[in-house]
ModelCIF file with pLDDT and N, C-alpha, C, O atoms, coordinates in Angstrom:
data_MODEL
#
_entry.id   MODEL 
#
_entity.id                         1 
_entity.type                       polymer 
_entity.pdbx_number_of_molecules   1 
#
_entity_poly.entity_id                      1 
_entity_poly.type                           'polypeptide(L)' 
_entity_poly.nstd_linkage                   no 
_entity_poly.nstd_monomer                   no 
_entity_poly.pdbx_seq_one_letter_code       
;(UNK)(UNK)(UNK)(UNK)(UNK)(UNK)(UNK)(UNK)(UNK)(UNK)(UNK)(UNK)(UNK)(UNK)(UNK)(UNK)
(UNK)(UNK)(UNK)(UNK)(UNK)(UNK)(UNK)(UNK)(UNK)(UNK)(UNK)(UNK)(UNK)(UNK)(UNK)(UNK)
(UNK)(UNK)(UNK)(UNK)(UNK)(UNK)(UNK)(UNK)(UNK)(UNK)(UNK)(UNK)(UNK)(UNK)(UNK)
;
_entity_poly.pdbx_seq_one_letter_code_can   XXXXXXXXXXXXXXXXXXXXXXXXXXXXXXXXXXXXXXXXXXXXXXX 
_entity_poly.pdbx_strand_id                 A 
#
loop_
_entity_poly_seq.entity_id 
_entity_poly_seq.num 
_entity_poly_seq.mon_id 
_entity_poly_seq.hetero 
1 1  UNK n 
1 2  UNK n 
1 3  UNK n 
1 4  UNK n 
1 5  UNK n 
1 6  UNK n 
1 7  UNK n 
1 8  UNK n 
1 9  UNK n 
1 10 UNK n 
1 11 UNK n 
1 12 UNK n 
1 13 UNK n 
1 14 UNK n 
1 15 UNK n 
1 16 UNK n 
1 17 UNK n 
1 18 UNK n 
1 19 UNK n 
1 20 UNK n 
1 21 UNK n 
1 22 UNK n 
1 23 UNK n 
1 24 UNK n 
1 25 UNK n 
1 26 UNK n 
1 27 UNK n 
1 28 UNK n 
1 29 UNK n 
1 30 UNK n 
1 31 UNK n 
1 32 UNK n 
1 33 UNK n 
1 34 UNK n 
1 35 UNK n 
1 36 UNK n 
1 37 UNK n 
1 38 UNK n 
1 39 UNK n 
1 40 UNK n 
1 41 UNK n 
1 42 UNK n 
1 43 UNK n 
1 44 UNK n 
1 45 UNK n 
1 46 UNK n 
1 47 UNK n 
#
_struct_asym.id          A 
_struct_asym.entity_id   1 
#
loop_
_ma_qa_metric.id 
_ma_qa_metric.mode 
_ma_qa_metric.name 
_ma_qa_metric.software_group_id 
_ma_qa_metric.type 
1 global pLDDT . pLDDT 
2 local  pLDDT . pLDDT 
#
_ma_qa_metric_global.metric_id      1 
_ma_qa_metric_global.metric_value   82.19 
_ma_qa_metric_global.model_id       1 
_ma_qa_metric_global.ordinal_id     1 
#
loop_
_ma_qa_metric_local.label_asym_id 
_ma_qa_metric_local.label_comp_id 
_ma_qa_metric_local.label_seq_id 
_ma_qa_metric_local.metric_id 
_ma_qa_metric_local.metric_value 
_ma_qa_metric_local.model_id 
_ma_qa_metric_local.ordinal_id 
A UNK 1  2 92.00 1 1  
A UNK 2  2 90.00 1 2  
A UNK 3  2 87.00 1 3  
A UNK 4  2 86.00 1 4  
A UNK 5  2 83.00 1 5  
A UNK 6  2 79.00 1 6  
A UNK 7  2 75.00 1 7  
A UNK 8  2 64.00 1 8  
A UNK 9  2 68.00 1 9  
A UNK 10 2 76.00 1 10 
A UNK 11 2 77.00 1 11 
A UNK 12 2 77.00 1 12 
A UNK 13 2 79.00 1 13 
A UNK 14 2 78.00 1 14 
A UNK 15 2 76.00 1 15 
A UNK 16 2 74.00 1 16 
A UNK 17 2 78.00 1 17 
A UNK 18 2 77.00 1 18 
A UNK 19 2 73.00 1 19 
A UNK 20 2 74.00 1 20 
A UNK 21 2 71.00 1 21 
A UNK 22 2 80.00 1 22 
A UNK 23 2 80.00 1 23 
A UNK 24 2 83.00 1 24 
A UNK 25 2 79.00 1 25 
A UNK 26 2 86.00 1 26 
A UNK 27 2 86.00 1 27 
A UNK 28 2 80.00 1 28 
A UNK 29 2 82.00 1 29 
A UNK 30 2 87.00 1 30 
A UNK 31 2 85.00 1 31 
A UNK 32 2 83.00 1 32 
A UNK 33 2 85.00 1 33 
A UNK 34 2 88.00 1 34 
A UNK 35 2 89.00 1 35 
A UNK 36 2 90.00 1 36 
A UNK 37 2 86.00 1 37 
A UNK 38 2 84.00 1 38 
A UNK 39 2 88.00 1 39 
A UNK 40 2 89.00 1 40 
A UNK 41 2 86.00 1 41 
A UNK 42 2 86.00 1 42 
A UNK 43 2 89.00 1 43 
A UNK 44 2 88.00 1 44 
A UNK 45 2 87.00 1 45 
A UNK 46 2 90.00 1 46 
A UNK 47 2 93.00 1 47 
#
loop_
_atom_site.group_PDB 
_atom_site.id 
_atom_site.type_symbol 
_atom_site.label_atom_id 
_atom_site.label_alt_id 
_atom_site.label_comp_id 
_atom_site.label_asym_id 
_atom_site.label_entity_id 
_atom_site.label_seq_id 
_atom_site.pdbx_PDB_ins_code 
_atom_site.Cartn_x 
_atom_site.Cartn_y 
_atom_site.Cartn_z 
_atom_site.occupancy 
_atom_site.B_iso_or_equiv 
_atom_site.pdbx_formal_charge 
_atom_site.auth_seq_id 
_atom_site.auth_comp_id 
_atom_site.auth_asym_id 
_atom_site.auth_atom_id 
_atom_site.pdbx_PDB_model_num 
ATOM 1   N N  . UNK A 1 1  ? 48.045 46.774 -105.797 1.00 92.00 ? 1  UNK A N  1 
ATOM 2   C CA . UNK A 1 1  ? 49.350 47.650 -105.683 1.00 92.00 ? 1  UNK A CA 1 
ATOM 3   C C  . UNK A 1 1  ? 50.597 47.117 -106.406 1.00 92.00 ? 1  UNK A C  1 
ATOM 4   O O  . UNK A 1 1  ? 51.351 47.903 -106.979 1.00 92.00 ? 1  UNK A O  1 
ATOM 5   N N  . UNK A 1 2  ? 50.789 46.003 -106.393 1.00 90.00 ? 2  UNK A N  1 
ATOM 6   C CA . UNK A 1 2  ? 51.937 45.320 -107.292 1.00 90.00 ? 2  UNK A CA 1 
ATOM 7   C C  . UNK A 1 2  ? 51.654 45.546 -108.712 1.00 90.00 ? 2  UNK A C  1 
ATOM 8   O O  . UNK A 1 2  ? 52.488 46.083 -109.441 1.00 90.00 ? 2  UNK A O  1 
ATOM 9   N N  . UNK A 1 3  ? 50.521 45.159 -109.127 1.00 87.00 ? 3  UNK A N  1 
ATOM 10  C CA . UNK A 1 3  ? 50.045 45.090 -110.621 1.00 87.00 ? 3  UNK A CA 1 
ATOM 11  C C  . UNK A 1 3  ? 50.169 46.677 -111.024 1.00 87.00 ? 3  UNK A C  1 
ATOM 12  O O  . UNK A 1 3  ? 50.650 46.885 -112.138 1.00 87.00 ? 3  UNK A O  1 
ATOM 13  N N  . UNK A 1 4  ? 49.830 47.697 -110.325 1.00 86.00 ? 4  UNK A N  1 
ATOM 14  C CA . UNK A 1 4  ? 49.965 49.019 -110.788 1.00 86.00 ? 4  UNK A CA 1 
ATOM 15  C C  . UNK A 1 4  ? 51.655 49.498 -110.876 1.00 86.00 ? 4  UNK A C  1 
ATOM 16  O O  . UNK A 1 4  ? 52.150 50.276 -111.692 1.00 86.00 ? 4  UNK A O  1 
ATOM 17  N N  . UNK A 1 5  ? 52.270 48.840 -109.876 1.00 83.00 ? 5  UNK A N  1 
ATOM 18  C CA . UNK A 1 5  ? 53.628 49.070 -109.946 1.00 83.00 ? 5  UNK A CA 1 
ATOM 19  C C  . UNK A 1 5  ? 54.269 48.321 -111.184 1.00 83.00 ? 5  UNK A C  1 
ATOM 20  O O  . UNK A 1 5  ? 55.147 48.828 -111.883 1.00 83.00 ? 5  UNK A O  1 
ATOM 21  N N  . UNK A 1 6  ? 53.851 47.330 -111.339 1.00 79.00 ? 6  UNK A N  1 
ATOM 22  C CA . UNK A 1 6  ? 54.414 46.665 -112.838 1.00 79.00 ? 6  UNK A CA 1 
ATOM 23  C C  . UNK A 1 6  ? 54.072 47.509 -114.016 1.00 79.00 ? 6  UNK A C  1 
ATOM 24  O O  . UNK A 1 6  ? 54.968 47.851 -114.788 1.00 79.00 ? 6  UNK A O  1 
ATOM 25  N N  . UNK A 1 7  ? 52.837 47.867 -114.205 1.00 75.00 ? 7  UNK A N  1 
ATOM 26  C CA . UNK A 1 7  ? 52.382 48.799 -115.268 1.00 75.00 ? 7  UNK A CA 1 
ATOM 27  C C  . UNK A 1 7  ? 53.139 49.995 -115.264 1.00 75.00 ? 7  UNK A C  1 
ATOM 28  O O  . UNK A 1 7  ? 53.489 50.500 -116.331 1.00 75.00 ? 7  UNK A O  1 
ATOM 29  N N  . UNK A 1 8  ? 53.441 50.524 -114.117 1.00 64.00 ? 8  UNK A N  1 
ATOM 30  C CA . UNK A 1 8  ? 54.298 51.860 -114.481 1.00 64.00 ? 8  UNK A CA 1 
ATOM 31  C C  . UNK A 1 8  ? 55.441 51.631 -114.872 1.00 64.00 ? 8  UNK A C  1 
ATOM 32  O O  . UNK A 1 8  ? 55.950 52.477 -115.606 1.00 64.00 ? 8  UNK A O  1 
ATOM 33  N N  . UNK A 1 9  ? 56.233 50.394 -114.508 1.00 68.00 ? 9  UNK A N  1 
ATOM 34  C CA . UNK A 1 9  ? 57.524 50.170 -115.060 1.00 68.00 ? 9  UNK A CA 1 
ATOM 35  C C  . UNK A 1 9  ? 57.662 49.636 -116.543 1.00 68.00 ? 9  UNK A C  1 
ATOM 36  O O  . UNK A 1 9  ? 58.737 49.518 -117.132 1.00 68.00 ? 9  UNK A O  1 
ATOM 37  N N  . UNK A 1 10 ? 56.437 49.334 -117.052 1.00 76.00 ? 10 UNK A N  1 
ATOM 38  C CA . UNK A 1 10 ? 56.375 48.944 -118.410 1.00 76.00 ? 10 UNK A CA 1 
ATOM 39  C C  . UNK A 1 10 ? 56.508 47.438 -118.749 1.00 76.00 ? 10 UNK A C  1 
ATOM 40  O O  . UNK A 1 10 ? 57.637 46.948 -118.771 1.00 76.00 ? 10 UNK A O  1 
ATOM 41  N N  . UNK A 1 11 ? 55.454 46.699 -119.006 1.00 77.00 ? 11 UNK A N  1 
ATOM 42  C CA . UNK A 1 11 ? 55.818 45.264 -118.986 1.00 77.00 ? 11 UNK A CA 1 
ATOM 43  C C  . UNK A 1 11 ? 56.653 44.989 -120.043 1.00 77.00 ? 11 UNK A C  1 
ATOM 44  O O  . UNK A 1 11 ? 57.292 43.944 -119.921 1.00 77.00 ? 11 UNK A O  1 
ATOM 45  N N  . UNK A 1 12 ? 56.822 45.600 -121.004 1.00 77.00 ? 12 UNK A N  1 
ATOM 46  C CA . UNK A 1 12 ? 57.661 45.484 -122.187 1.00 77.00 ? 12 UNK A CA 1 
ATOM 47  C C  . UNK A 1 12 ? 59.034 45.424 -121.649 1.00 77.00 ? 12 UNK A C  1 
ATOM 48  O O  . UNK A 1 12 ? 59.762 44.449 -121.836 1.00 77.00 ? 12 UNK A O  1 
ATOM 49  N N  . UNK A 1 13 ? 59.394 46.495 -120.962 1.00 79.00 ? 13 UNK A N  1 
ATOM 50  C CA . UNK A 1 13 ? 60.848 46.380 -120.500 1.00 79.00 ? 13 UNK A CA 1 
ATOM 51  C C  . UNK A 1 13 ? 61.377 45.387 -119.574 1.00 79.00 ? 13 UNK A C  1 
ATOM 52  O O  . UNK A 1 13 ? 62.580 45.168 -119.431 1.00 79.00 ? 13 UNK A O  1 
ATOM 53  N N  . UNK A 1 14 ? 60.459 44.806 -118.961 1.00 78.00 ? 14 UNK A N  1 
ATOM 54  C CA . UNK A 1 14 ? 60.761 43.649 -118.133 1.00 78.00 ? 14 UNK A CA 1 
ATOM 55  C C  . UNK A 1 14 ? 60.980 42.382 -119.053 1.00 78.00 ? 14 UNK A C  1 
ATOM 56  O O  . UNK A 1 14 ? 61.790 41.507 -118.749 1.00 78.00 ? 14 UNK A O  1 
ATOM 57  N N  . UNK A 1 15 ? 60.209 42.339 -120.196 1.00 76.00 ? 15 UNK A N  1 
ATOM 58  C CA . UNK A 1 15 ? 60.451 41.276 -121.214 1.00 76.00 ? 15 UNK A CA 1 
ATOM 59  C C  . UNK A 1 15 ? 61.710 41.534 -121.842 1.00 76.00 ? 15 UNK A C  1 
ATOM 60  O O  . UNK A 1 15 ? 62.443 40.557 -121.992 1.00 76.00 ? 15 UNK A O  1 
ATOM 61  N N  . UNK A 1 16 ? 62.188 42.860 -122.317 1.00 74.00 ? 16 UNK A N  1 
ATOM 62  C CA . UNK A 1 16 ? 63.180 43.069 -122.997 1.00 74.00 ? 16 UNK A CA 1 
ATOM 63  C C  . UNK A 1 16 ? 64.665 42.850 -122.101 1.00 74.00 ? 16 UNK A C  1 
ATOM 64  O O  . UNK A 1 16 ? 65.788 42.741 -122.593 1.00 74.00 ? 16 UNK A O  1 
ATOM 65  N N  . UNK A 1 17 ? 64.329 42.825 -120.756 1.00 78.00 ? 17 UNK A N  1 
ATOM 66  C CA . UNK A 1 17 ? 65.625 42.548 -119.800 1.00 78.00 ? 17 UNK A CA 1 
ATOM 67  C C  . UNK A 1 17 ? 65.868 41.076 -119.916 1.00 78.00 ? 17 UNK A C  1 
ATOM 68  O O  . UNK A 1 17 ? 66.838 40.582 -119.341 1.00 78.00 ? 17 UNK A O  1 
ATOM 69  N N  . UNK A 1 18 ? 64.941 40.250 -120.715 1.00 77.00 ? 18 UNK A N  1 
ATOM 70  C CA . UNK A 1 18 ? 65.072 38.740 -120.552 1.00 77.00 ? 18 UNK A CA 1 
ATOM 71  C C  . UNK A 1 18 ? 66.251 38.568 -121.732 1.00 77.00 ? 18 UNK A C  1 
ATOM 72  O O  . UNK A 1 18 ? 67.041 37.625 -121.671 1.00 77.00 ? 18 UNK A O  1 
ATOM 73  N N  . UNK A 1 19 ? 66.289 39.299 -122.528 1.00 73.00 ? 19 UNK A N  1 
ATOM 74  C CA . UNK A 1 19 ? 67.212 39.235 -123.708 1.00 73.00 ? 19 UNK A CA 1 
ATOM 75  C C  . UNK A 1 19 ? 67.549 37.889 -124.276 1.00 73.00 ? 19 UNK A C  1 
ATOM 76  O O  . UNK A 1 19 ? 68.631 37.333 -124.086 1.00 73.00 ? 19 UNK A O  1 
ATOM 77  N N  . UNK A 1 20 ? 66.416 37.323 -125.089 1.00 74.00 ? 20 UNK A N  1 
ATOM 78  C CA . UNK A 1 20 ? 66.566 35.915 -125.746 1.00 74.00 ? 20 UNK A CA 1 
ATOM 79  C C  . UNK A 1 20 ? 67.779 36.234 -126.613 1.00 74.00 ? 20 UNK A C  1 
ATOM 80  O O  . UNK A 1 20 ? 67.784 37.183 -127.397 1.00 74.00 ? 20 UNK A O  1 
ATOM 81  N N  . UNK A 1 21 ? 68.837 35.380 -126.436 1.00 71.00 ? 21 UNK A N  1 
ATOM 82  C CA . UNK A 1 21 ? 69.931 35.465 -127.121 1.00 71.00 ? 21 UNK A CA 1 
ATOM 83  C C  . UNK A 1 21 ? 69.830 35.303 -128.704 1.00 71.00 ? 21 UNK A C  1 
ATOM 84  O O  . UNK A 1 21 ? 70.439 36.015 -129.502 1.00 71.00 ? 21 UNK A O  1 
ATOM 85  N N  . UNK A 1 22 ? 68.942 34.225 -129.050 1.00 80.00 ? 22 UNK A N  1 
ATOM 86  C CA . UNK A 1 22 ? 68.957 33.968 -130.522 1.00 80.00 ? 22 UNK A CA 1 
ATOM 87  C C  . UNK A 1 22 ? 67.691 34.526 -131.144 1.00 80.00 ? 22 UNK A C  1 
ATOM 88  O O  . UNK A 1 22 ? 67.351 34.136 -132.261 1.00 80.00 ? 22 UNK A O  1 
ATOM 89  N N  . UNK A 1 23 ? 66.931 35.479 -130.431 1.00 80.00 ? 23 UNK A N  1 
ATOM 90  C CA . UNK A 1 23 ? 65.758 36.038 -131.050 1.00 80.00 ? 23 UNK A CA 1 
ATOM 91  C C  . UNK A 1 23 ? 66.212 37.360 -131.720 1.00 80.00 ? 23 UNK A C  1 
ATOM 92  O O  . UNK A 1 23 ? 66.969 38.193 -131.223 1.00 80.00 ? 23 UNK A O  1 
ATOM 93  N N  . UNK A 1 24 ? 65.578 37.408 -133.019 1.00 83.00 ? 24 UNK A N  1 
ATOM 94  C CA . UNK A 1 24 ? 65.692 38.858 -133.657 1.00 83.00 ? 24 UNK A CA 1 
ATOM 95  C C  . UNK A 1 24 ? 65.031 39.854 -133.135 1.00 83.00 ? 24 UNK A C  1 
ATOM 96  O O  . UNK A 1 24 ? 63.801 39.801 -133.099 1.00 83.00 ? 24 UNK A O  1 
ATOM 97  N N  . UNK A 1 25 ? 65.692 40.895 -132.658 1.00 79.00 ? 25 UNK A N  1 
ATOM 98  C CA . UNK A 1 25 ? 65.052 41.968 -132.071 1.00 79.00 ? 25 UNK A CA 1 
ATOM 99  C C  . UNK A 1 25 ? 63.806 42.427 -132.494 1.00 79.00 ? 25 UNK A C  1 
ATOM 100 O O  . UNK A 1 25 ? 62.925 42.739 -131.693 1.00 79.00 ? 25 UNK A O  1 
ATOM 101 N N  . UNK A 1 26 ? 63.649 42.502 -133.978 1.00 86.00 ? 26 UNK A N  1 
ATOM 102 C CA . UNK A 1 26 ? 62.556 42.804 -134.562 1.00 86.00 ? 26 UNK A CA 1 
ATOM 103 C C  . UNK A 1 26 ? 61.400 42.174 -134.061 1.00 86.00 ? 26 UNK A C  1 
ATOM 104 O O  . UNK A 1 26 ? 60.399 42.831 -133.778 1.00 86.00 ? 26 UNK A O  1 
ATOM 105 N N  . UNK A 1 27 ? 61.471 40.724 -133.904 1.00 86.00 ? 27 UNK A N  1 
ATOM 106 C CA . UNK A 1 27 ? 60.405 40.079 -133.422 1.00 86.00 ? 27 UNK A CA 1 
ATOM 107 C C  . UNK A 1 27 ? 59.788 40.466 -132.157 1.00 86.00 ? 27 UNK A C  1 
ATOM 108 O O  . UNK A 1 27 ? 58.586 40.371 -131.911 1.00 86.00 ? 27 UNK A O  1 
ATOM 109 N N  . UNK A 1 28 ? 60.765 40.944 -131.306 1.00 80.00 ? 28 UNK A N  1 
ATOM 110 C CA . UNK A 1 28 ? 60.143 41.362 -129.973 1.00 80.00 ? 28 UNK A CA 1 
ATOM 111 C C  . UNK A 1 28 ? 59.253 42.596 -130.241 1.00 80.00 ? 28 UNK A C  1 
ATOM 112 O O  . UNK A 1 28 ? 58.214 42.759 -129.602 1.00 80.00 ? 28 UNK A O  1 
ATOM 113 N N  . UNK A 1 29 ? 59.667 43.465 -131.189 1.00 82.00 ? 29 UNK A N  1 
ATOM 114 C CA . UNK A 1 29 ? 58.943 44.671 -131.503 1.00 82.00 ? 29 UNK A CA 1 
ATOM 115 C C  . UNK A 1 29 ? 57.556 44.317 -132.078 1.00 82.00 ? 29 UNK A C  1 
ATOM 116 O O  . UNK A 1 29 ? 56.533 44.896 -131.711 1.00 82.00 ? 29 UNK A O  1 
ATOM 117 N N  . UNK A 1 30 ? 57.578 43.347 -132.987 1.00 87.00 ? 30 UNK A N  1 
ATOM 118 C CA . UNK A 1 30 ? 56.296 42.903 -133.587 1.00 87.00 ? 30 UNK A CA 1 
ATOM 119 C C  . UNK A 1 30 ? 55.440 42.389 -132.545 1.00 87.00 ? 30 UNK A C  1 
ATOM 120 O O  . UNK A 1 30 ? 54.244 42.678 -132.579 1.00 87.00 ? 30 UNK A O  1 
ATOM 121 N N  . UNK A 1 31 ? 55.892 41.682 -131.646 1.00 85.00 ? 31 UNK A N  1 
ATOM 122 C CA . UNK A 1 31 ? 55.282 40.989 -130.698 1.00 85.00 ? 31 UNK A CA 1 
ATOM 123 C C  . UNK A 1 31 ? 54.528 41.844 -129.734 1.00 85.00 ? 31 UNK A C  1 
ATOM 124 O O  . UNK A 1 31 ? 53.346 41.682 -129.432 1.00 85.00 ? 31 UNK A O  1 
ATOM 125 N N  . UNK A 1 32 ? 55.324 42.766 -129.281 1.00 83.00 ? 32 UNK A N  1 
ATOM 126 C CA . UNK A 1 32 ? 54.941 43.942 -128.482 1.00 83.00 ? 32 UNK A CA 1 
ATOM 127 C C  . UNK A 1 32 ? 53.803 44.646 -128.969 1.00 83.00 ? 32 UNK A C  1 
ATOM 128 O O  . UNK A 1 32 ? 53.016 45.155 -128.172 1.00 83.00 ? 32 UNK A O  1 
ATOM 129 N N  . UNK A 1 33 ? 53.646 44.721 -130.146 1.00 85.00 ? 33 UNK A N  1 
ATOM 130 C CA . UNK A 1 33 ? 52.398 45.471 -130.848 1.00 85.00 ? 33 UNK A CA 1 
ATOM 131 C C  . UNK A 1 33 ? 51.255 44.786 -131.024 1.00 85.00 ? 33 UNK A C  1 
ATOM 132 O O  . UNK A 1 33 ? 50.254 45.368 -131.441 1.00 85.00 ? 33 UNK A O  1 
ATOM 133 N N  . UNK A 1 34 ? 51.248 43.276 -130.692 1.00 88.00 ? 34 UNK A N  1 
ATOM 134 C CA . UNK A 1 34 ? 50.103 42.400 -130.970 1.00 88.00 ? 34 UNK A CA 1 
ATOM 135 C C  . UNK A 1 34 ? 49.114 42.545 -129.648 1.00 88.00 ? 34 UNK A C  1 
ATOM 136 O O  . UNK A 1 34 ? 49.477 42.549 -128.472 1.00 88.00 ? 34 UNK A O  1 
ATOM 137 N N  . UNK A 1 35 ? 47.881 42.653 -130.117 1.00 89.00 ? 35 UNK A N  1 
ATOM 138 C CA . UNK A 1 35 ? 47.044 42.587 -128.924 1.00 89.00 ? 35 UNK A CA 1 
ATOM 139 C C  . UNK A 1 35 ? 46.972 41.130 -127.972 1.00 89.00 ? 35 UNK A C  1 
ATOM 140 O O  . UNK A 1 35 ? 46.582 41.077 -126.806 1.00 89.00 ? 35 UNK A O  1 
ATOM 141 N N  . UNK A 1 36 ? 47.419 40.073 -128.742 1.00 90.00 ? 36 UNK A N  1 
ATOM 142 C CA . UNK A 1 36 ? 47.538 38.922 -128.015 1.00 90.00 ? 36 UNK A CA 1 
ATOM 143 C C  . UNK A 1 36 ? 48.692 38.880 -126.876 1.00 90.00 ? 36 UNK A C  1 
ATOM 144 O O  . UNK A 1 36 ? 48.591 38.237 -125.832 1.00 90.00 ? 36 UNK A O  1 
ATOM 145 N N  . UNK A 1 37 ? 49.789 39.661 -127.244 1.00 86.00 ? 37 UNK A N  1 
ATOM 146 C CA . UNK A 1 37 ? 51.014 39.730 -126.389 1.00 86.00 ? 37 UNK A CA 1 
ATOM 147 C C  . UNK A 1 37 ? 50.519 40.647 -125.198 1.00 86.00 ? 37 UNK A C  1 
ATOM 148 O O  . UNK A 1 37 ? 50.892 40.407 -124.050 1.00 86.00 ? 37 UNK A O  1 
ATOM 149 N N  . UNK A 1 38 ? 49.585 41.810 -125.519 1.00 84.00 ? 38 UNK A N  1 
ATOM 150 C CA . UNK A 1 38 ? 49.239 42.747 -124.404 1.00 84.00 ? 38 UNK A CA 1 
ATOM 151 C C  . UNK A 1 38 ? 48.305 41.998 -123.462 1.00 84.00 ? 38 UNK A C  1 
ATOM 152 O O  . UNK A 1 38 ? 48.399 42.206 -122.252 1.00 84.00 ? 38 UNK A O  1 
ATOM 153 N N  . UNK A 1 39 ? 47.389 41.121 -123.954 1.00 88.00 ? 39 UNK A N  1 
ATOM 154 C CA . UNK A 1 39 ? 46.669 40.491 -123.027 1.00 88.00 ? 39 UNK A CA 1 
ATOM 155 C C  . UNK A 1 39 ? 47.294 39.541 -122.274 1.00 88.00 ? 39 UNK A C  1 
ATOM 156 O O  . UNK A 1 39 ? 47.100 39.553 -121.059 1.00 88.00 ? 39 UNK A O  1 
ATOM 157 N N  . UNK A 1 40 ? 48.145 38.561 -122.857 1.00 89.00 ? 40 UNK A N  1 
ATOM 158 C CA . UNK A 1 40 ? 48.942 37.625 -122.038 1.00 89.00 ? 40 UNK A CA 1 
ATOM 159 C C  . UNK A 1 40 ? 50.052 38.444 -121.173 1.00 89.00 ? 40 UNK A C  1 
ATOM 160 O O  . UNK A 1 40 ? 50.255 38.015 -120.037 1.00 89.00 ? 40 UNK A O  1 
ATOM 161 N N  . UNK A 1 41 ? 50.604 39.297 -121.496 1.00 86.00 ? 41 UNK A N  1 
ATOM 162 C CA . UNK A 1 41 ? 51.429 40.041 -120.672 1.00 86.00 ? 41 UNK A CA 1 
ATOM 163 C C  . UNK A 1 41 ? 50.655 40.655 -119.352 1.00 86.00 ? 41 UNK A C  1 
ATOM 164 O O  . UNK A 1 41 ? 51.170 40.616 -118.234 1.00 86.00 ? 41 UNK A O  1 
ATOM 165 N N  . UNK A 1 42 ? 49.635 41.104 -119.554 1.00 86.00 ? 42 UNK A N  1 
ATOM 166 C CA . UNK A 1 42 ? 48.847 41.646 -118.696 1.00 86.00 ? 42 UNK A CA 1 
ATOM 167 C C  . UNK A 1 42 ? 48.355 40.578 -117.717 1.00 86.00 ? 42 UNK A C  1 
ATOM 168 O O  . UNK A 1 42 ? 48.577 40.659 -116.509 1.00 86.00 ? 42 UNK A O  1 
ATOM 169 N N  . UNK A 1 43 ? 47.686 39.585 -118.279 1.00 89.00 ? 43 UNK A N  1 
ATOM 170 C CA . UNK A 1 43 ? 47.228 38.414 -117.116 1.00 89.00 ? 43 UNK A CA 1 
ATOM 171 C C  . UNK A 1 43 ? 48.703 37.757 -116.457 1.00 89.00 ? 43 UNK A C  1 
ATOM 172 O O  . UNK A 1 43 ? 48.770 37.456 -115.265 1.00 89.00 ? 43 UNK A O  1 
ATOM 173 N N  . UNK A 1 44 ? 49.788 37.594 -117.348 1.00 88.00 ? 44 UNK A N  1 
ATOM 174 C CA . UNK A 1 44 ? 51.019 37.133 -116.550 1.00 88.00 ? 44 UNK A CA 1 
ATOM 175 C C  . UNK A 1 44 ? 51.577 37.981 -115.248 1.00 88.00 ? 44 UNK A C  1 
ATOM 176 O O  . UNK A 1 44 ? 52.046 37.517 -114.209 1.00 88.00 ? 44 UNK A O  1 
ATOM 177 N N  . UNK A 1 45 ? 51.381 39.386 -115.623 1.00 87.00 ? 45 UNK A N  1 
ATOM 178 C CA . UNK A 1 45 ? 51.828 40.168 -114.499 1.00 87.00 ? 45 UNK A CA 1 
ATOM 179 C C  . UNK A 1 45 ? 50.892 40.176 -113.303 1.00 87.00 ? 45 UNK A C  1 
ATOM 180 O O  . UNK A 1 45 ? 51.303 40.209 -112.143 1.00 87.00 ? 45 UNK A O  1 
ATOM 181 N N  . UNK A 1 46 ? 49.556 40.142 -113.663 1.00 90.00 ? 46 UNK A N  1 
ATOM 182 C CA . UNK A 1 46 ? 48.505 40.017 -112.572 1.00 90.00 ? 46 UNK A CA 1 
ATOM 183 C C  . UNK A 1 46 ? 48.803 38.662 -111.664 1.00 90.00 ? 46 UNK A C  1 
ATOM 184 O O  . UNK A 1 46 ? 48.856 38.622 -110.435 1.00 90.00 ? 46 UNK A O  1 
ATOM 185 N N  . UNK A 1 47 ? 48.966 37.662 -112.506 1.00 93.00 ? 47 UNK A N  1 
ATOM 186 C CA . UNK A 1 47 ? 49.108 36.525 -111.693 1.00 93.00 ? 47 UNK A CA 1 
ATOM 187 C C  . UNK A 1 47 ? 50.349 36.397 -110.805 1.00 93.00 ? 47 UNK A C  1 
ATOM 188 O O  . UNK A 1 47 ? 50.493 35.409 -110.085 1.00 93.00 ? 47 UNK A O  1 
#
């Protein structure tokens, strides 16, 4: 139930809320597009 709720809210939005101060915003965009990020983010949310 919780995992479905997180997916509905979009895992990328959760990480964007962290707002890494010194990180170029383009880096987050590139990262979100990677398969590795999607796999890690999905596992993180589930854990």
